[in-house]
Amino acid sequence: QVQLVESGGGLVQAGGSLRLSCTPSEDIFDILAMGWYRQAPGEERAVVAAIHSSGATTYTDSVKGRFTISGDFAKTTVYLQMNSLKPEDTAIYYCAITAGGIGYWGQGTQVTVSS
C-alpha cells in the first residue's frame, strides 16, 4: 500500500519559515493533482494549497502571498514553502495526492508557530 511521507514540520517563531516535503513510498502514476491540507485542534481538515498537473496552483485566502506550493510530478514530490508564519498557522499538515481516481494521504506533520 502506497504511503505518503511528510517531513519538514516543527516549531518556529512567528515570522519564521518552514518547508514541508512529501514523497510516496513507491511510484504513483497518472497524478492529477497534489496538495497540502491542515487541521487545527477543534477544526475540520481544510485545503491549504494545491497544484494541478497542468501547473495551475490554488491557495486558501489566508496563506496567499506567504505560502508557495511546488511539485515535481515526475518524481512525485510536492513541497510547501511557508514564510511569514503566524500562530494561526499552527496545525497538523497533511500531504494529499490524487491519481487514477484514488486519493492518497500522508500521516501528517505538526507545525507549531509560537507568538
Protein backbone atom coordinates (compact mmCIF):
# COMPACT_ATOMS: atom_id res chain seq x y z
CA GLN A 1 0.00 0.00 0.00
CA VAL A 2 1.37 3.38 -1.02
CA GLN A 3 2.22 5.70 1.84
CA LEU A 4 2.96 9.39 1.63
CA VAL A 5 5.80 10.53 3.86
CA GLU A 6 5.84 14.15 5.01
CA SER A 7 8.79 15.95 6.54
CA GLY A 8 9.81 19.46 7.49
CA GLY A 9 7.36 20.29 10.25
CA GLY A 10 8.42 21.65 13.59
CA LEU A 11 8.35 24.57 15.99
CA VAL A 12 9.08 28.06 14.70
CA GLN A 13 8.59 31.59 15.96
CA ALA A 14 6.08 33.90 14.34
CA GLY A 15 7.57 35.42 11.21
CA GLY A 16 9.73 32.40 10.57
CA SER A 17 9.72 29.89 7.73
CA LEU A 18 9.37 26.17 7.23
CA ARG A 19 9.45 23.97 4.15
CA LEU A 20 7.34 20.84 4.03
CA SER A 21 8.12 17.96 1.69
CA CYS A 22 6.12 14.90 0.71
CA THR A 23 7.18 11.81 -1.19
CA PRO A 24 5.44 8.46 -1.68
CA SER A 25 6.82 5.10 -0.56
CA GLU A 26 6.57 3.88 -4.16
CA ASP A 27 5.88 5.36 -7.56
CA ILE A 28 2.45 6.78 -8.29
CA PHE A 29 1.32 7.21 -11.88
CA ASP A 30 -1.30 9.35 -13.61
CA ILE A 31 -1.20 12.06 -10.96
CA LEU A 32 -3.93 14.64 -11.39
CA ALA A 33 -3.07 16.91 -8.50
CA MET A 34 -1.01 17.21 -5.34
CA GLY A 35 -1.78 19.35 -2.36
CA TRP A 36 -1.50 20.23 1.30
CA TYR A 37 -4.26 20.29 3.88
CA ARG A 38 -4.17 21.27 7.53
CA GLN A 39 -6.21 20.57 10.61
CA ALA A 40 -6.05 22.68 13.73
CA PRO A 41 -7.41 21.43 17.07
CA GLY A 42 -11.19 21.54 17.10
CA GLU A 43 -11.40 22.34 13.41
CA GLU A 44 -12.04 20.35 10.26
CA ARG A 45 -9.31 19.46 7.82
CA ALA A 46 -9.14 22.08 5.07
CA VAL A 47 -7.12 22.60 1.92
CA VAL A 48 -4.17 24.98 2.14
CA ALA A 49 -2.74 24.77 -1.37
CA ALA A 50 -2.88 22.54 -4.42
CA ILE A 51 -1.04 22.11 -7.68
CA HIS A 52 -2.58 20.55 -10.76
CA SER A 53 -0.71 18.51 -13.34
CA SER A 54 -1.22 21.49 -15.68
CA GLY A 55 0.89 23.58 -13.32
CA ALA A 56 -2.01 25.63 -12.04
CA THR A 57 -1.93 26.38 -8.33
CA THR A 58 -4.58 27.40 -5.82
CA TYR A 59 -4.31 28.71 -2.27
CA THR A 60 -6.68 29.35 0.55
CA ASP A 61 -7.02 33.08 1.11
CA SER A 62 -5.28 33.13 4.49
CA VAL A 63 -1.96 31.90 3.07
CA LYS A 64 -1.84 33.80 -0.23
CA GLY A 65 1.40 35.71 -0.57
CA ARG A 66 3.04 33.74 2.26
CA PHE A 67 2.95 30.09 1.16
CA THR A 68 4.16 28.61 -2.12
CA ILE A 69 3.37 25.12 -3.36
CA SER A 70 5.59 23.41 -5.88
CA GLY A 71 5.76 19.91 -7.23
CA ASP A 72 7.75 17.53 -9.34
CA PHE A 73 5.20 15.25 -10.97
CA ALA A 74 7.89 13.04 -12.48
CA LYS A 75 9.43 12.40 -9.07
CA THR A 76 6.06 12.56 -7.29
CA THR A 77 7.30 15.10 -4.79
CA VAL A 78 5.38 18.08 -3.51
CA TYR A 79 6.66 20.95 -1.38
CA LEU A 80 5.09 23.73 0.64
CA GLN A 81 7.28 26.71 1.38
CA MET A 82 5.77 28.61 4.29
CA ASN A 83 7.03 32.11 5.03
CA SER A 84 5.89 34.78 7.48
CA LEU A 85 4.31 32.14 9.63
CA LYS A 86 1.64 33.16 12.11
CA PRO A 87 0.38 31.45 15.27
CA GLU A 88 -2.89 30.74 13.46
CA ASP A 89 -0.96 28.56 11.01
CA THR A 90 -0.42 26.07 13.81
CA ALA A 91 -1.91 22.74 12.73
CA ILE A 92 -1.16 19.26 11.53
CA TYR A 93 -0.32 19.47 7.84
CA TYR A 94 -1.25 16.60 5.54
CA CYS A 95 0.00 15.84 2.06
CA ALA A 96 -2.54 14.55 -0.47
CA ILE A 97 -2.16 13.16 -3.97
CA THR A 98 -4.95 12.35 -6.41
CA ALA A 99 -4.06 9.83 -9.09
CA GLY A 100 -6.05 7.41 -11.19
CA GLY A 101 -9.22 8.21 -9.29
CA ILE A 102 -7.60 7.38 -5.95
CA GLY A 103 -6.76 9.77 -3.14
CA TYR A 104 -3.63 9.19 -1.11
CA TRP A 105 -2.96 10.81 2.26
CA GLY A 106 0.06 11.22 4.46
CA GLN A 107 0.10 10.73 8.21
CA GLY A 108 0.60 14.42 8.85
CA THR A 109 3.37 16.60 10.22
CA GLN A 110 2.94 19.05 13.10
CA VAL A 111 3.63 22.72 12.51
CA THR A 112 3.64 24.91 15.60
CA VAL A 113 4.13 28.67 15.41
CA SER A 114 4.84 30.45 18.67
CA SER A 115 3.99 34.10 19.23
